[in-house]
C-alpha atoms as a PDB file:
ATOM      1  CA  UNK A   1      17.728   1.523 -43.289  1.00  0.00           C
ATOM      2  CA  UNK A   2      17.610   5.279 -44.293  1.00  0.00           C
ATOM      3  CA  UNK A   3      16.698   4.446 -47.827  1.00  0.00           C
ATOM      4  CA  UNK A   4      14.140   1.768 -46.726  1.00  0.00           C
ATOM      5  CA  UNK A   5      12.444   4.377 -44.435  1.00  0.00           C
ATOM      6  CA  UNK A   6      12.616   7.097 -46.978  1.00  0.00           C
ATOM      7  CA  UNK A   7      10.753   4.867 -49.428  1.00  0.00           C
ATOM      8  CA  UNK A   8       8.136   4.153 -46.959  1.00  0.00           C
ATOM      9  CA  UNK A   9       7.663   7.708 -45.864  1.00  0.00           C
ATOM     10  CA  UNK A  10       7.215   8.640 -49.581  1.00  0.00           C
ATOM     11  CA  UNK A  11       4.578   6.092 -49.934  1.00  0.00           C
ATOM     12  CA  UNK A  12       2.850   6.928 -46.705  1.00  0.00           C
ATOM     13  CA  UNK A  13       2.514  10.522 -47.676  1.00  0.00           C
ATOM     14  CA  UNK A  14       0.056   9.516 -50.454  1.00  0.00           C
ATOM     15  CA  UNK A  15      -1.854   7.141 -48.249  1.00  0.00           C
ATOM     16  CA  UNK A  16      -4.202   9.814 -46.528  1.00  0.00           C
ATOM     17  CA  UNK A  17      -6.845   7.401 -46.055  1.00  0.00           C
ATOM     18  CA  UNK A  18      -4.658   4.837 -44.183  1.00  0.00           C
ATOM     19  CA  UNK A  19      -3.406   6.933 -41.242  1.00  0.00           C
ATOM     20  CA  UNK A  20      -6.162   9.398 -40.108  1.00  0.00           C
ATOM     21  CA  UNK A  21      -6.111   9.557 -36.367  1.00  0.00           C
ATOM     22  CA  UNK A  22      -3.644  10.045 -33.487  1.00  0.00           C
ATOM     23  CA  UNK A  23      -4.287   6.468 -32.518  1.00  0.00           C
ATOM     24  CA  UNK A  24      -3.373   5.354 -36.138  1.00  0.00           C
ATOM     25  CA  UNK A  25      -0.121   7.252 -36.023  1.00  0.00           C
ATOM     26  CA  UNK A  26       0.799   5.897 -32.439  1.00  0.00           C
ATOM     27  CA  UNK A  27       0.061   2.152 -33.642  1.00  0.00           C
ATOM     28  CA  UNK A  28       2.027   2.722 -36.940  1.00  0.00           C
ATOM     29  CA  UNK A  29       5.028   4.278 -35.115  1.00  0.00           C
ATOM     30  CA  UNK A  30       5.078   1.474 -32.581  1.00  0.00           C
ATOM     31  CA  UNK A  31       5.258  -1.017 -35.419  1.00  0.00           C
ATOM     32  CA  UNK A  32       7.991   0.772 -37.183  1.00  0.00           C
ATOM     33  CA  UNK A  33      10.111   1.035 -34.077  1.00  0.00           C
ATOM     34  CA  UNK A  34       9.664  -2.620 -33.351  1.00  0.00           C
ATOM     35  CA  UNK A  35      10.697  -3.516 -37.014  1.00  0.00           C
ATOM     36  CA  UNK A  36      13.698  -1.494 -36.836  1.00  0.00           C
ATOM     37  CA  UNK A  37      14.855  -2.509 -33.362  1.00  0.00           C
ATOM     38  CA  UNK A  38      15.173   0.754 -31.546  1.00  0.00           C
ATOM     39  CA  UNK A  39      16.338   0.802 -27.981  1.00  0.00           C
ATOM     40  CA  UNK A  40      14.022   2.259 -25.394  1.00  0.00           C
ATOM     41  CA  UNK A  41      15.296   3.417 -21.908  1.00  0.00           C
ATOM     42  CA  UNK A  42      15.824   7.155 -22.202  1.00  0.00           C
ATOM     43  CA  UNK A  43      12.394   8.084 -20.768  1.00  0.00           C
ATOM     44  CA  UNK A  44      10.316   5.149 -21.820  1.00  0.00           C
ATOM     45  CA  UNK A  45      10.636   1.389 -21.488  1.00  0.00           C
ATOM     46  CA  UNK A  46       8.606   0.229 -24.442  1.00  0.00           C
ATOM     47  CA  UNK A  47       8.068   1.231 -28.040  1.00  0.00           C
ATOM     48  CA  UNK A  48       4.323   2.164 -27.787  1.00  0.00           C
ATOM     49  CA  UNK A  49       5.100   4.835 -24.941  1.00  0.00           C
ATOM     50  CA  UNK A  50       7.987   6.022 -27.271  1.00  0.00           C
ATOM     51  CA  UNK A  51       5.577   6.527 -30.278  1.00  0.00           C
ATOM     52  CA  UNK A  52       2.945   8.163 -28.056  1.00  0.00           C
ATOM     53  CA  UNK A  53       5.413  10.579 -26.592  1.00  0.00           C
ATOM     54  CA  UNK A  54       6.588  11.665 -30.098  1.00  0.00           C
ATOM     55  CA  UNK A  55       3.166  11.970 -31.536  1.00  0.00           C
ATOM     56  CA  UNK A  56       1.888  14.029 -28.463  1.00  0.00           C
ATOM     57  CA  UNK A  57       4.834  16.261 -28.586  1.00  0.00           C
ATOM     58  CA  UNK A  58       4.562  16.996 -32.205  1.00  0.00           C
ATOM     59  CA  UNK A  59       0.831  17.873 -31.794  1.00  0.00           C
ATOM     60  CA  UNK A  60       1.644  20.072 -28.638  1.00  0.00           C
ATOM     61  CA  UNK A  61      -0.466  17.752 -26.537  1.00  0.00           C
ATOM     62  CA  UNK A  62       0.348  15.944 -23.261  1.00  0.00           C
ATOM     63  CA  UNK A  63      -0.723  12.873 -21.341  1.00  0.00           C
ATOM     64  CA  UNK A  64      -3.624  14.780 -19.715  1.00  0.00           C
ATOM     65  CA  UNK A  65      -5.696  14.437 -22.821  1.00  0.00           C
ATOM     66  CA  UNK A  66      -8.891  12.381 -22.876  1.00  0.00           C
ATOM     67  CA  UNK A  67      -8.769   8.940 -24.310  1.00  0.00           C
ATOM     68  CA  UNK A  68     -11.293  10.007 -26.927  1.00  0.00           C
ATOM     69  CA  UNK A  69      -8.830  12.578 -28.285  1.00  0.00           C
ATOM     70  CA  UNK A  70      -6.655   9.673 -29.615  1.00  0.00           C
ATOM     71  CA  UNK A  71      -9.412   9.146 -32.250  1.00  0.00           C
ATOM     72  CA  UNK A  72      -9.370  12.650 -33.508  1.00  0.00           C
ATOM     73  CA  UNK A  73      -8.311  13.169 -37.188  1.00  0.00           C
ATOM     74  CA  UNK A  74      -5.036  14.968 -37.854  1.00  0.00           C
ATOM     75  CA  UNK A  75      -4.148  17.280 -40.667  1.00  0.00           C
ATOM     76  CA  UNK A  76      -1.836  16.540 -43.568  1.00  0.00           C
ATOM     77  CA  UNK A  77       0.706  18.993 -42.111  1.00  0.00           C
ATOM     78  CA  UNK A  78       0.658  17.412 -38.675  1.00  0.00           C
ATOM     79  CA  UNK A  79       0.980  13.989 -40.162  1.00  0.00           C
ATOM     80  CA  UNK A  80       4.124  15.096 -42.025  1.00  0.00           C
ATOM     81  CA  UNK A  81       5.653  16.420 -38.801  1.00  0.00           C
ATOM     82  CA  UNK A  82       4.870  13.244 -37.028  1.00  0.00           C
ATOM     83  CA  UNK A  83       6.394  11.023 -39.719  1.00  0.00           C
ATOM     84  CA  UNK A  84       9.501  13.168 -39.718  1.00  0.00           C
ATOM     85  CA  UNK A  85      10.122  12.677 -36.013  1.00  0.00           C
ATOM     86  CA  UNK A  86       9.592   8.836 -36.258  1.00  0.00           C
ATOM     87  CA  UNK A  87      11.965   8.886 -39.260  1.00  0.00           C
ATOM     88  CA  UNK A  88      14.534  10.747 -37.024  1.00  0.00           C
ATOM     89  CA  UNK A  89      14.168   8.396 -34.211  1.00  0.00           C
ATOM     90  CA  UNK A  90      14.814   5.259 -36.310  1.00  0.00           C
ATOM     91  CA  UNK A  91      17.533   6.624 -38.633  1.00  0.00           C
ATOM     92  CA  UNK A  92      19.603   8.743 -36.162  1.00  0.00           C
ATOM     93  CA  UNK A  93      19.070   6.688 -33.080  1.00  0.00           C
ATOM     94  CA  UNK A  94      18.803   9.975 -31.092  1.00  0.00           C
ATOM     95  CA  UNK A  95      16.919   9.260 -27.767  1.00  0.00           C
ATOM     96  CA  UNK A  96      13.368  10.522 -27.504  1.00  0.00           C
ATOM     97  CA  UNK A  97      14.324  13.579 -25.232  1.00  0.00           C
ATOM     98  CA  UNK A  98      16.818  14.962 -27.789  1.00  0.00           C
ATOM     99  CA  UNK A  99      14.049  15.118 -30.368  1.00  0.00           C
ATOM    100  CA  UNK A 100      11.555  16.761 -28.105  1.00  0.00           C
ATOM    101  CA  UNK A 101      14.237  18.919 -26.195  1.00  0.00           C
ATOM    102  CA  UNK A 102      12.759  18.031 -22.848  1.00  0.00           C
ATOM    103  CA  UNK A 103      12.698  15.211 -20.196  1.00  0.00           C
ATOM    104  CA  UNK A 104      10.675  14.545 -17.013  1.00  0.00           C
ATOM    105  CA  UNK A 105      12.650  13.846 -13.811  1.00  0.00           C
ATOM    106  CA  UNK A 106      11.280  13.884 -10.300  1.00  0.00           C
ATOM    107  CA  UNK A 107       7.977  14.929 -11.675  1.00  0.00           C
ATOM    108  CA  UNK A 108       9.582  18.114 -13.149  1.00  0.00           C
ATOM    109  CA  UNK A 109      10.340  19.254 -16.683  1.00  0.00           C
ATOM    110  CA  UNK A 110      13.903  19.691 -17.831  1.00  0.00           C
ATOM    111  CA  UNK A 111      15.547  21.153 -21.060  1.00  0.00           C
ATOM    112  CA  UNK A 112      17.918  18.685 -22.688  1.00  0.00           C
ATOM    113  CA  UNK A 113      20.085  18.469 -25.661  1.00  0.00           C
ATOM    114  CA  UNK A 114      23.038  16.377 -27.004  1.00  0.00           C
ATOM    115  CA  UNK A 115      25.420  18.130 -24.610  1.00  0.00           C
ATOM    116  CA  UNK A 116      23.929  16.431 -21.610  1.00  0.00           C
ATOM    117  CA  UNK A 117      22.786  12.919 -20.623  1.00  0.00           C
ATOM    118  CA  UNK A 118      19.071  12.305 -20.694  1.00  0.00           C
ATOM    119  CA  UNK A 119      17.819  12.335 -17.099  1.00  0.00           C
ATOM    120  CA  UNK A 120      16.838   8.681 -15.907  1.00  0.00           C
ATOM    121  CA  UNK A 121      18.402   8.188 -12.403  1.00  0.00           C
ATOM    122  CA  UNK A 122      16.585   6.459  -9.363  1.00  0.00           C
ATOM    123  CA  UNK A 123      17.890   9.651  -7.505  1.00  0.00           C
ATOM    124  CA  UNK A 124      14.431  10.907  -8.405  1.00  0.00           C
ATOM    125  CA  UNK A 125      12.934   8.725  -5.701  1.00  0.00           C
ATOM    126  CA  UNK A 126      15.470  10.015  -3.114  1.00  0.00           C
ATOM    127  CA  UNK A 127      14.523  13.562  -4.227  1.00  0.00           C
ATOM    128  CA  UNK A 128      10.821  13.039  -3.809  1.00  0.00           C
ATOM    129  CA  UNK A 129      11.358  11.771  -0.319  1.00  0.00           C
ATOM    130  CA  UNK A 130      13.618  14.527   0.648  1.00  0.00           C
ATOM    131  CA  UNK A 131      16.516  12.133   1.008  1.00  0.00           C
ATOM    132  CA  UNK A 132      14.985  10.850   4.211  1.00  0.00           C
ATOM    133  CA  UNK A 133      15.978   8.791   6.235  1.00  0.00           C
ATOM    134  CA  UNK A 134      19.569   9.178   4.861  1.00  0.00           C
ATOM    135  CA  UNK A 135      19.538  12.849   6.020  1.00  0.00           C
ATOM    136  CA  UNK A 136      17.437  14.968   8.293  1.00  0.00           C
ATOM    137  CA  UNK A 137      16.166  17.402   5.554  1.00  0.00           C
ATOM    138  CA  UNK A 138      15.761  20.341   8.005  1.00  0.00           C
ATOM    139  CA  UNK A 139      19.245  20.074   9.011  1.00  0.00           C
ATOM    140  CA  UNK A 140      20.773  20.282   5.530  1.00  0.00           C
ATOM    141  CA  UNK A 141      21.484  23.786   4.465  1.00  0.00           C
ATOM    142  CA  UNK A 142      24.207  23.449   1.849  1.00  0.00           C
ATOM    143  CA  UNK A 143      24.312  20.912  -0.870  1.00  0.00           C
ATOM    144  CA  UNK A 144      26.769  20.174  -3.760  1.00  0.00           C
ATOM    145  CA  UNK A 145      25.876  18.391  -6.989  1.00  0.00           C
ATOM    146  CA  UNK A 146      29.012  17.064  -8.706  1.00  0.00           C
ATOM    147  CA  UNK A 147      28.874  16.105 -12.439  1.00  0.00           C
ATOM    148  CA  UNK A 148      25.562  17.838 -12.804  1.00  0.00           C
ATOM    149  CA  UNK A 149      25.066  17.554 -16.562  1.00  0.00           C
ATOM    150  CA  UNK A 150      21.614  19.104 -17.178  1.00  0.00           C
ATOM    151  CA  UNK A 151      21.436  19.991 -13.493  1.00  0.00           C
ATOM    152  CA  UNK A 152      18.294  17.776 -13.111  1.00  0.00           C
ATOM    153  CA  UNK A 153      19.344  16.209  -9.821  1.00  0.00           C
ATOM    154  CA  UNK A 154      20.654  19.358  -8.085  1.00  0.00           C
ATOM    155  CA  UNK A 155      17.866  21.599  -9.360  1.00  0.00           C
ATOM    156  CA  UNK A 156      15.079  19.075  -8.400  1.00  0.00           C
ATOM    157  CA  UNK A 157      16.751  18.760  -4.932  1.00  0.00           C
ATOM    158  CA  UNK A 158      16.675  22.560  -4.522  1.00  0.00           C
ATOM    159  CA  UNK A 159      13.082  22.690  -5.790  1.00  0.00           C
ATOM    160  CA  UNK A 160      11.939  20.046  -3.137  1.00  0.00           C
ATOM    161  CA  UNK A 161      14.030  21.343  -0.304  1.00  0.00           C
ATOM    162  CA  UNK A 162      13.178  25.176  -0.550  1.00  0.00           C
ATOM    163  CA  UNK A 163      15.446  26.057   2.453  1.00  0.00           C
ATOM    164  CA  UNK A 164      18.775  24.842   0.962  1.00  0.00           C
ATOM    165  CA  UNK A 165      21.547  26.644  -0.973  1.00  0.00           C
ATOM    166  CA  UNK A 166      22.654  24.375  -3.911  1.00  0.00           C
ATOM    167  CA  UNK A 167      25.950  24.383  -5.832  1.00  0.00           C
ATOM    168  CA  UNK A 168      26.044  22.314  -9.024  1.00  0.00           C
ATOM    169  CA  UNK A 169      29.138  21.660 -11.122  1.00  0.00           C
ATOM    170  CA  UNK A 170      30.475  20.090 -14.222  1.00  0.00           C
ATOM    171  CA  UNK A 171      33.643  20.028 -16.227  1.00  0.00           C
ATOM    172  CA  UNK A 172      31.614  20.683 -19.422  1.00  0.00           C
ATOM    173  CA  UNK A 173      30.730  24.298 -20.139  1.00  0.00           C
ATOM    174  CA  UNK A 174      28.369  22.975 -22.825  1.00  0.00           C
ATOM    175  CA  UNK A 175      26.555  21.068 -20.127  1.00  0.00           C
ATOM    176  CA  UNK A 176      26.456  23.910 -17.697  1.00  0.00           C
ATOM    177  CA  UNK A 177      24.788  26.179 -20.408  1.00  0.00           C
ATOM    178  CA  UNK A 178      21.935  23.580 -20.400  1.00  0.00           C
ATOM    179  CA  UNK A 179      22.020  23.569 -16.539  1.00  0.00           C
ATOM    180  CA  UNK A 180      21.736  27.292 -16.446  1.00  0.00           C
ATOM    181  CA  UNK A 181      18.648  27.234 -18.741  1.00  0.00           C
ATOM    182  CA  UNK A 182      17.128  24.804 -16.295  1.00  0.00           C
ATOM    183  CA  UNK A 183      17.942  26.968 -13.214  1.00  0.00           C
ATOM    184  CA  UNK A 184      16.117  29.899 -15.049  1.00  0.00           C
ATOM    185  CA  UNK A 185      13.428  27.481 -16.218  1.00  0.00           C
ATOM    186  CA  UNK A 186      12.599  26.664 -12.552  1.00  0.00           C
ATOM    187  CA  UNK A 187      13.250  30.185 -11.260  1.00  0.00           C
ATOM    188  CA  UNK A 188      15.959  29.205  -8.740  1.00  0.00           C
ATOM    189  CA  UNK A 189      18.734  31.639  -9.678  1.00  0.00           C
ATOM    190  CA  UNK A 190      18.683  32.889  -6.234  1.00  0.00           C
ATOM    191  CA  UNK A 191      19.385  29.514  -4.507  1.00  0.00           C
ATOM    192  CA  UNK A 192      21.223  27.414  -7.225  1.00  0.00           C
ATOM    193  CA  UNK A 193      24.826  28.340  -8.436  1.00  0.00           C
ATOM    194  CA  UNK A 194      26.406  26.613 -11.550  1.00  0.00           C
ATOM    195  CA  UNK A 195      30.176  26.414 -11.382  1.00  0.00           C
ATOM    196  CA  UNK A 196      32.667  24.891 -13.991  1.00  0.00           C
ATOM    197  CA  UNK A 197      34.810  22.541 -12.109  1.00  0.00           C
ATOM    198  CA  UNK A 198      36.783  19.300 -12.751  1.00  0.00           C
ATOM    199  CA  UNK A 199      35.260  17.650  -9.642  1.00  0.00           C
ATOM    200  CA  UNK A 200      36.452  19.542  -6.499  1.00  0.00           C
ATOM    201  CA  UNK A 201      39.167  21.549  -8.178  1.00  0.00           C
ATOM    202  CA  UNK A 202      37.376  24.852  -8.458  1.00  0.00           C
ATOM    203  CA  UNK A 203      34.751  24.283  -5.775  1.00  0.00           C
ATOM    204  CA  UNK A 204      34.888  26.996  -3.068  1.00  0.00           C
ATOM    205  CA  UNK A 205      36.679  26.013   0.034  1.00  0.00           C
ATOM    206  CA  UNK A 206      33.639  25.307   2.047  1.00  0.00           C
ATOM    207  CA  UNK A 207      31.783  22.477   3.896  1.00  0.00           C
ATOM    208  CA  UNK A 208      28.666  20.988   2.495  1.00  0.00           C
ATOM    209  CA  UNK A 209      26.018  19.124   4.573  1.00  0.00           C
ATOM    210  CA  UNK A 210      25.243  16.933   1.563  1.00  0.00           C
ATOM    211  CA  UNK A 211      27.101  16.046  -1.667  1.00  0.00           C
ATOM    212  CA  UNK A 212      25.238  14.173  -4.432  1.00  0.00           C
ATOM    213  CA  UNK A 213      26.626  12.870  -7.530  1.00  0.00           C
ATOM    214  CA  UNK A 214      25.653  10.687 -10.741  1.00  0.00           C
ATOM    215  CA  UNK A 215      29.256  10.646 -12.110  1.00  0.00           C
ATOM    216  CA  UNK A 216      30.469   8.723 -15.306  1.00  0.00           C
ATOM    217  CA  UNK A 217      30.909   5.128 -14.138  1.00  0.00           C
ATOM    218  CA  UNK A 218      30.948   3.010 -17.364  1.00  0.00           C
ATOM    219  CA  UNK A 219      33.878   0.959 -18.251  1.00  0.00           C
ATOM    220  CA  UNK A 220      35.546   1.504 -21.874  1.00  0.00           C
ATOM    221  CA  UNK A 221      34.530  -2.018 -22.905  1.00  0.00           C
ATOM    222  CA  UNK A 222      30.897  -1.631 -21.646  1.00  0.00           C
ATOM    223  CA  UNK A 223      30.595   1.775 -23.346  1.00  0.00           C
ATOM    224  CA  UNK A 224      31.644   0.259 -26.743  1.00  0.00           C
ATOM    225  CA  UNK A 225      29.034  -2.366 -26.261  1.00  0.00           C
ATOM    226  CA  UNK A 226      26.098  -0.100 -25.415  1.00  0.00           C
ATOM    227  CA  UNK A 227      23.172   0.304 -28.008  1.00  0.00           C
ATOM    228  CA  UNK A 228      23.407   3.031 -30.510  1.00  0.00           C
ATOM    229  CA  UNK A 229      21.168   5.481 -28.536  1.00  0.00           C
ATOM    230  CA  UNK A 230      23.719   5.854 -25.748  1.00  0.00           C
ATOM    231  CA  UNK A 231      26.436   6.712 -28.339  1.00  0.00           C
ATOM    232  CA  UNK A 232      24.274   9.815 -29.132  1.00  0.00           C
ATOM    233  CA  UNK A 233      24.980  11.047 -25.630  1.00  0.00           C
ATOM    234  CA  UNK A 234      28.219  12.797 -24.467  1.00  0.00           C
ATOM    235  CA  UNK A 235      30.774  10.042 -23.864  1.00  0.00           C
ATOM    236  CA  UNK A 236      32.363  12.185 -21.148  1.00  0.00           C
ATOM    237  CA  UNK A 237      29.206  11.610 -19.210  1.00  0.00           C
ATOM    238  CA  UNK A 238      29.229   7.906 -19.324  1.00  0.00           C
ATOM    239  CA  UNK A 239      32.699   6.460 -19.770  1.00  0.00           C
ATOM    240  CA  UNK A 240      35.186   6.609 -16.934  1.00  0.00           C
ATOM    241  CA  UNK A 241      38.397   4.599 -17.751  1.00  0.00           C
ATOM    242  CA  UNK A 242      39.062   0.953 -18.159  1.00  0.00           C
ATOM    243  CA  UNK A 243      37.067  -0.295 -15.302  1.00  0.00           C
ATOM    244  CA  UNK A 244      34.627   2.755 -15.065  1.00  0.00           C
ATOM    245  CA  UNK A 245      35.723   3.848 -11.643  1.00  0.00           C
ATOM    246  CA  UNK A 246      38.268   6.616 -12.261  1.00  0.00           C
ATOM    247  CA  UNK A 247      35.864   9.538 -11.497  1.00  0.00           C
ATOM    248  CA  UNK A 248      34.180   7.687  -8.595  1.00  0.00           C
ATOM    249  CA  UNK A 249      37.676   6.957  -6.953  1.00  0.00           C
ATOM    250  CA  UNK A 250      38.792  10.513  -7.069  1.00  0.00           C
ATOM    251  CA  UNK A 251      35.385  11.619  -5.579  1.00  0.00           C
ATOM    252  CA  UNK A 252      35.835   9.091  -2.685  1.00  0.00           C
ATOM    253  CA  UNK A 253      39.441  10.353  -2.042  1.00  0.00           C
ATOM    254  CA  UNK A 254      38.519  14.010  -1.917  1.00  0.00           C
ATOM    255  CA  UNK A 255      35.041  14.298  -0.710  1.00  0.00           C
ATOM    256  CA  UNK A 256      35.681  14.275   3.091  1.00  0.00           C
ATOM    257  CA  UNK A 257      37.460  17.507   2.865  1.00  0.00           C
ATOM    258  CA  UNK A 258      34.249  19.166   1.518  1.00  0.00           C
ATOM    259  CA  UNK A 259      31.702  17.598   3.920  1.00  0.00           C
ATOM    260  CA  UNK A 260      30.608  19.181   7.306  1.00  0.00           C
ATOM    261  CA  UNK A 261      31.122  17.125  10.503  1.00  0.00           C
ATOM    262  CA  UNK A 262      27.766  15.489   9.973  1.00  0.00           C
ATOM    263  CA  UNK A 263      27.946  15.575   6.184  1.00  0.00           C
ATOM    264  CA  UNK A 264      26.843  12.771   3.884  1.00  0.00           C
ATOM    265  CA  UNK A 265      27.739  11.904   0.405  1.00  0.00           C
ATOM    266  CA  UNK A 266      25.389   9.931  -1.992  1.00  0.00           C
ATOM    267  CA  UNK A 267      26.789   8.458  -5.253  1.00  0.00           C
ATOM    268  CA  UNK A 268      25.216   6.595  -8.131  1.00  0.00           C
ATOM    269  CA  UNK A 269      27.322   3.886  -9.830  1.00  0.00           C
ATOM    270  CA  UNK A 270      24.339   1.977 -11.466  1.00  0.00           C
ATOM    271  CA  UNK A 271      25.236  -1.387 -12.761  1.00  0.00           C
ATOM    272  CA  UNK A 272      28.975  -0.935 -11.905  1.00  0.00           C
ATOM    273  CA  UNK A 273      28.081  -1.482  -8.236  1.00  0.00           C
ATOM    274  CA  UNK A 274      29.749  -4.913  -8.349  1.00  0.00           C
ATOM    275  CA  UNK A 275      32.898  -3.439  -9.980  1.00  0.00           C
ATOM    276  CA  UNK A 276      33.076  -0.931  -7.278  1.00  0.00           C
ATOM    277  CA  UNK A 277      32.797  -3.592  -4.513  1.00  0.00           C
ATOM    278  CA  UNK A 278      35.479  -5.649  -6.285  1.00  0.00           C
ATOM    279  CA  UNK A 279      37.712  -2.679  -6.433  1.00  0.00           C
ATOM    280  CA  UNK A 280      37.406  -1.900  -2.744  1.00  0.00           C
ATOM    281  CA  UNK A 281      36.462  -5.063  -1.030  1.00  0.00           C
ATOM    282  CA  UNK A 282      37.505  -3.726   2.330  1.00  0.00           C
ATOM    283  CA  UNK A 283      35.041  -0.715   2.171  1.00  0.00           C
ATOM    284  CA  UNK A 284      31.510  -1.009   3.466  1.00  0.00           C
ATOM    285  CA  UNK A 285      29.237   0.773   1.076  1.00  0.00           C
ATOM    286  CA  UNK A 286      25.678   1.340   2.331  1.00  0.00           C
ATOM    287  CA  UNK A 287      23.483   0.442  -0.709  1.00  0.00           C
ATOM    288  CA  UNK A 288      20.027   2.140  -0.959  1.00  0.00           C
ATOM    289  CA  UNK A 289      17.047   0.109  -1.780  1.00  0.00           C
ATOM    290  CA  UNK A 290      14.369   1.659  -4.028  1.00  0.00           C
ATOM    291  CA  UNK A 291      10.598   0.993  -4.200  1.00  0.00           C
ATOM    292  CA  UNK A 292      10.109   2.166  -7.667  1.00  0.00           C
ATOM    293  CA  UNK A 293      13.056   0.368  -9.265  1.00  0.00           C
ATOM    294  CA  UNK A 294      16.633   1.153  -9.836  1.00  0.00           C
ATOM    295  CA  UNK A 295      19.619   0.461  -7.673  1.00  0.00           C
ATOM    296  CA  UNK A 296      23.486   1.235  -7.602  1.00  0.00           C
ATOM    297  CA  UNK A 297      23.274   4.217  -5.176  1.00  0.00           C
ATOM    298  CA  UNK A 298      25.172   4.202  -2.083  1.00  0.00           C
ATOM    299  CA  UNK A 299      25.435   6.674   1.037  1.00  0.00           C
ATOM    300  CA  UNK A 300      28.517   7.315   3.221  1.00  0.00           C
ATOM    301  CA  UNK A 301      29.010   9.690   5.984  1.00  0.00           C
ATOM    302  CA  UNK A 302      32.165  11.964   6.349  1.00  0.00           C
ATOM    303  CA  UNK A 303      33.322   9.671   9.114  1.00  0.00           C
ATOM    304  CA  UNK A 304      32.954   6.673   6.953  1.00  0.00           C
ATOM    305  CA  UNK A 305      34.837   8.135   4.128  1.00  0.00           C
ATOM    306  CA  UNK A 306      37.693   9.180   6.422  1.00  0.00           C
ATOM    307  CA  UNK A 307      37.676   5.611   8.121  1.00  0.00           C
ATOM    308  CA  UNK A 308      38.422   3.951   4.624  1.00  0.00           C
ATOM    309  CA  UNK A 309      40.545   6.815   3.252  1.00  0.00           C
ATOM    310  CA  UNK A 310      43.578   4.706   2.776  1.00  0.00           C
ATOM    311  CA  UNK A 311      41.867   2.259   0.495  1.00  0.00           C
ATOM    312  CA  UNK A 312      41.057   4.747  -2.181  1.00  0.00           C
END
């Protein structure tokens, strides 16, 4: 594939009359993505949006541009940069956000790199609604985000709930470096604290009104079968044992001790929801329905966690 694309890129460089405008490059990139079978799902859900995002990023433009701007001519230097990004996307299978260094989540911008998963969680809808009706937002003062990665879920929660104190944690120091950049990026240093911790191991002995988590929940077999784009992400953020439930089970066993009396925990398990229910058939999980798509997130109170404690 690399040799094929390099030959094609070499010929394109001398075809200045063929690709003149932004629209031309978006169309060409879309065709090449289709021909080479790239997988979308890390910020876009189709190849045209993927190509548009890369072209606009390379030109330092955003989606607010006028439609007529797409018909503007580009320079030879700009074309070279765009073609190089398209080549990287195809040959390396790196997700879009790793090539741009940024991702949108809950209508906010986040810095990302290969040390963190690309933000793409239905948690965004919960955040935009301040988690209502699952919590009374005004009554929540302290929040913990476990397995934070880039920090997008915890930081966005703190952004939209300006009265809370947020603790975000991860076992990966490399991921926390990215999270700390995002804390500074959103100027939340005074309300968001990042802690290195293997789940609850190094979390302060306190009680939180809300615990949120998008932990690893992919089984080993499922991870091995994922498209190549997912294998560019840190495995530690995706795979969690033979059935994918290792981390989730640990959280369920320990979380009640870190929740306040009226505290609530919200956990994402995505497509592994069926596996979780099969593993714990006696437990009543409260699954959240989303208006904008997505599923696999459940909510439990401290009381419910304690009620089913002996099953975990």
